[in-house]
Amino acid sequence: MSTNPITLSPKTPPAIVRLDKLTNVLLLVLVGVPFFISFGALRHLAEQNNISYPVLYPLMVDFGLIIFKFLALRESLRGRRDLYTWAMAITLTIISVALNIVHVPRTLPTLGLARFMAALPPLVILTAFVAVSRRIEEDARTETAIVNHRVI
């Protein structure tokens, strides 16, 4: 029996490592900015409708969708897709989009554009997580293939 550990992937070139680090930082920005934009709209909507603790309302909706997306990413790391978690993430995204659209004042001269802009933040968060999840799933498949190849 060999005592050498199995290397899961070949040495990653430094340029790709740097690109991955930059991508991760930009992803945080890409998720953080829309989160705060949507947070403000949902908090304001909760205040307008006399919801108790209006600051907690956007946390429940938008932070909830981010949590479910992280859980989906966790499963992606294992090379699996959890349909329930994705369904919850998509459901909360749809709820957030709808509430952001409802928040737009109907008196705006550019109502269509304003509604489109209001819908964008939760959709950007969703697309960012889908892109990362796909990358992770691909990496998991590649590493599994390398391990299986070396074991044989």
Protein backbone atom coordinates (compact mmCIF):
# COMPACT_ATOMS: atom_id res chain seq x y z
CA MET A 1 0.00 0.00 0.00
CA SER A 2 1.33 3.42 -0.94
CA THR A 3 1.87 6.03 1.78
CA ASN A 4 1.72 8.94 -0.67
CA PRO A 5 -1.42 11.06 -0.28
CA ILE A 6 -3.63 11.51 -3.31
CA THR A 7 -3.46 15.03 -4.70
CA LEU A 8 -6.97 16.10 -5.69
CA SER A 9 -5.97 18.49 -8.43
CA PRO A 10 -2.85 19.50 -10.30
CA LYS A 11 -0.98 22.59 -9.11
CA THR A 12 -3.06 25.62 -9.99
CA PRO A 13 -1.15 28.31 -11.88
CA PRO A 14 -0.58 31.50 -9.80
CA ALA A 15 -2.50 33.66 -12.30
CA ILE A 16 -5.61 31.52 -11.81
CA VAL A 17 -5.21 31.66 -8.01
CA ARG A 18 -5.04 35.48 -8.19
CA LEU A 19 -8.03 35.59 -10.53
CA ASP A 20 -10.02 33.36 -8.16
CA LYS A 21 -9.19 35.64 -5.20
CA LEU A 22 -10.21 38.74 -7.16
CA THR A 23 -13.40 37.00 -8.29
CA ASN A 24 -14.27 36.13 -4.68
CA VAL A 25 -13.82 39.75 -3.54
CA LEU A 26 -15.91 41.03 -6.44
CA LEU A 27 -18.56 38.41 -5.64
CA LEU A 28 -18.83 39.76 -2.09
CA VAL A 29 -19.34 43.24 -3.52
CA LEU A 30 -21.80 41.90 -6.10
CA VAL A 31 -23.86 40.27 -3.35
CA GLY A 32 -23.40 42.99 -0.71
CA VAL A 33 -24.44 46.02 -2.77
CA PRO A 34 -27.77 44.58 -3.97
CA PHE A 35 -28.45 43.23 -0.48
CA PHE A 36 -28.22 46.73 1.00
CA ILE A 37 -30.24 48.29 -1.82
CA SER A 38 -33.02 45.74 -1.33
CA PHE A 39 -32.67 45.99 2.47
CA GLY A 40 -33.44 49.70 2.37
CA ALA A 41 -36.51 49.25 0.18
CA LEU A 42 -37.92 46.38 2.25
CA ARG A 43 -37.29 48.22 5.53
CA HIS A 44 -39.06 51.30 4.19
CA LEU A 45 -41.97 49.17 2.92
CA ALA A 46 -42.27 47.51 6.34
CA GLU A 47 -42.30 50.94 8.03
CA GLN A 48 -44.98 52.22 5.64
CA ASN A 49 -47.16 49.20 6.47
CA ASN A 50 -46.65 49.39 10.25
CA ILE A 51 -44.85 46.05 10.46
CA SER A 52 -43.38 45.43 13.92
CA TYR A 53 -39.60 45.75 13.96
CA PRO A 54 -39.30 46.93 10.34
CA VAL A 55 -35.52 46.53 10.35
CA LEU A 56 -35.92 42.78 10.89
CA TYR A 57 -38.26 42.33 7.93
CA PRO A 58 -35.62 42.70 5.19
CA LEU A 59 -33.29 40.48 7.19
CA MET A 60 -35.94 37.76 7.18
CA VAL A 61 -36.45 38.01 3.42
CA ASP A 62 -33.09 38.97 1.90
CA PHE A 63 -30.80 37.44 4.50
CA GLY A 64 -32.97 34.33 4.32
CA LEU A 65 -32.44 34.06 0.58
CA ILE A 66 -28.69 34.47 1.05
CA ILE A 67 -28.64 31.75 3.74
CA PHE A 68 -30.51 29.29 1.50
CA LYS A 69 -28.13 30.08 -1.33
CA PHE A 70 -25.13 29.41 0.95
CA LEU A 71 -26.72 26.09 1.91
CA ALA A 72 -27.09 25.28 -1.78
CA LEU A 73 -23.42 26.20 -2.30
CA ARG A 74 -22.48 23.88 0.55
CA GLU A 75 -24.16 21.02 -1.26
CA SER A 76 -22.38 22.07 -4.46
CA LEU A 77 -19.07 21.60 -2.65
CA ARG A 78 -20.10 17.98 -2.18
CA GLY A 79 -21.01 17.68 -5.85
CA ARG A 80 -24.74 17.50 -5.09
CA ARG A 81 -27.74 19.70 -5.82
CA ASP A 82 -30.32 20.14 -3.03
CA LEU A 83 -33.57 20.92 -4.82
CA TYR A 84 -35.41 21.94 -1.63
CA THR A 85 -32.73 24.48 -0.74
CA TRP A 86 -32.73 25.89 -4.27
CA ALA A 87 -36.55 26.03 -4.24
CA MET A 88 -36.46 28.04 -0.99
CA ALA A 89 -33.76 30.36 -2.36
CA ILE A 90 -35.74 30.96 -5.55
CA THR A 91 -39.00 31.43 -3.62
CA LEU A 92 -37.44 34.05 -1.34
CA THR A 93 -35.89 35.73 -4.39
CA ILE A 94 -39.33 35.98 -6.02
CA ILE A 95 -40.81 37.36 -2.78
CA SER A 96 -38.01 39.93 -2.54
CA VAL A 97 -38.45 40.95 -6.19
CA ALA A 98 -42.21 41.35 -5.70
CA LEU A 99 -41.83 43.40 -2.52
CA ASN A 100 -39.15 45.61 -4.09
CA ILE A 101 -41.50 46.27 -7.02
CA VAL A 102 -44.43 47.04 -4.68
CA HIS A 103 -42.21 49.57 -2.90
CA VAL A 104 -41.85 51.68 -6.07
CA PRO A 105 -44.17 54.71 -5.94
CA ARG A 106 -46.81 54.51 -8.66
CA THR A 107 -46.53 58.23 -9.33
CA LEU A 108 -43.10 58.04 -10.96
CA PRO A 109 -43.01 59.15 -14.61
CA THR A 110 -40.68 56.22 -15.42
CA LEU A 111 -42.63 53.57 -13.52
CA GLY A 112 -41.55 50.68 -15.76
CA LEU A 113 -37.87 51.54 -15.45
CA ALA A 114 -38.18 52.06 -11.70
CA ARG A 115 -39.84 48.65 -11.26
CA PHE A 116 -37.14 47.00 -13.37
CA MET A 117 -34.44 48.65 -11.26
CA ALA A 118 -36.21 47.61 -8.05
CA ALA A 119 -36.41 43.97 -9.20
CA LEU A 120 -32.72 43.80 -10.10
CA PRO A 121 -30.97 43.50 -6.67
CA PRO A 122 -32.45 40.13 -5.60
CA LEU A 123 -31.99 38.78 -9.14
CA VAL A 124 -28.32 39.82 -9.14
CA ILE A 125 -27.81 37.99 -5.86
CA LEU A 126 -29.45 34.87 -7.31
CA THR A 127 -27.41 34.93 -10.54
CA ALA A 128 -24.16 35.44 -8.60
CA PHE A 129 -24.87 32.39 -6.45
CA VAL A 130 -25.89 30.29 -9.46
CA ALA A 131 -22.62 31.18 -11.20
CA VAL A 132 -20.53 30.29 -8.14
CA SER A 133 -22.51 27.11 -7.56
CA ARG A 134 -21.91 25.98 -11.13
CA ARG A 135 -18.19 26.66 -10.76
CA ILE A 136 -18.06 24.68 -7.52
CA GLU A 137 -20.01 21.77 -9.01
CA GLU A 138 -17.63 21.70 -11.97
CA ASP A 139 -14.61 21.73 -9.65
CA ALA A 140 -16.15 18.92 -7.56
CA ARG A 141 -16.71 16.80 -10.71
CA THR A 142 -13.14 17.46 -11.89
CA GLU A 143 -11.62 16.55 -8.52
CA THR A 144 -13.77 13.39 -8.32
CA ALA A 145 -12.62 12.40 -11.81
CA ILE A 146 -8.96 12.95 -10.86
CA VAL A 147 -9.32 10.90 -7.66
CA ASN A 148 -11.15 8.11 -9.52
CA HIS A 149 -8.51 8.10 -12.26
CA ARG A 150 -5.65 7.86 -9.75
CA VAL A 151 -7.34 5.14 -7.70
CA ILE A 152 -7.76 2.97 -10.80
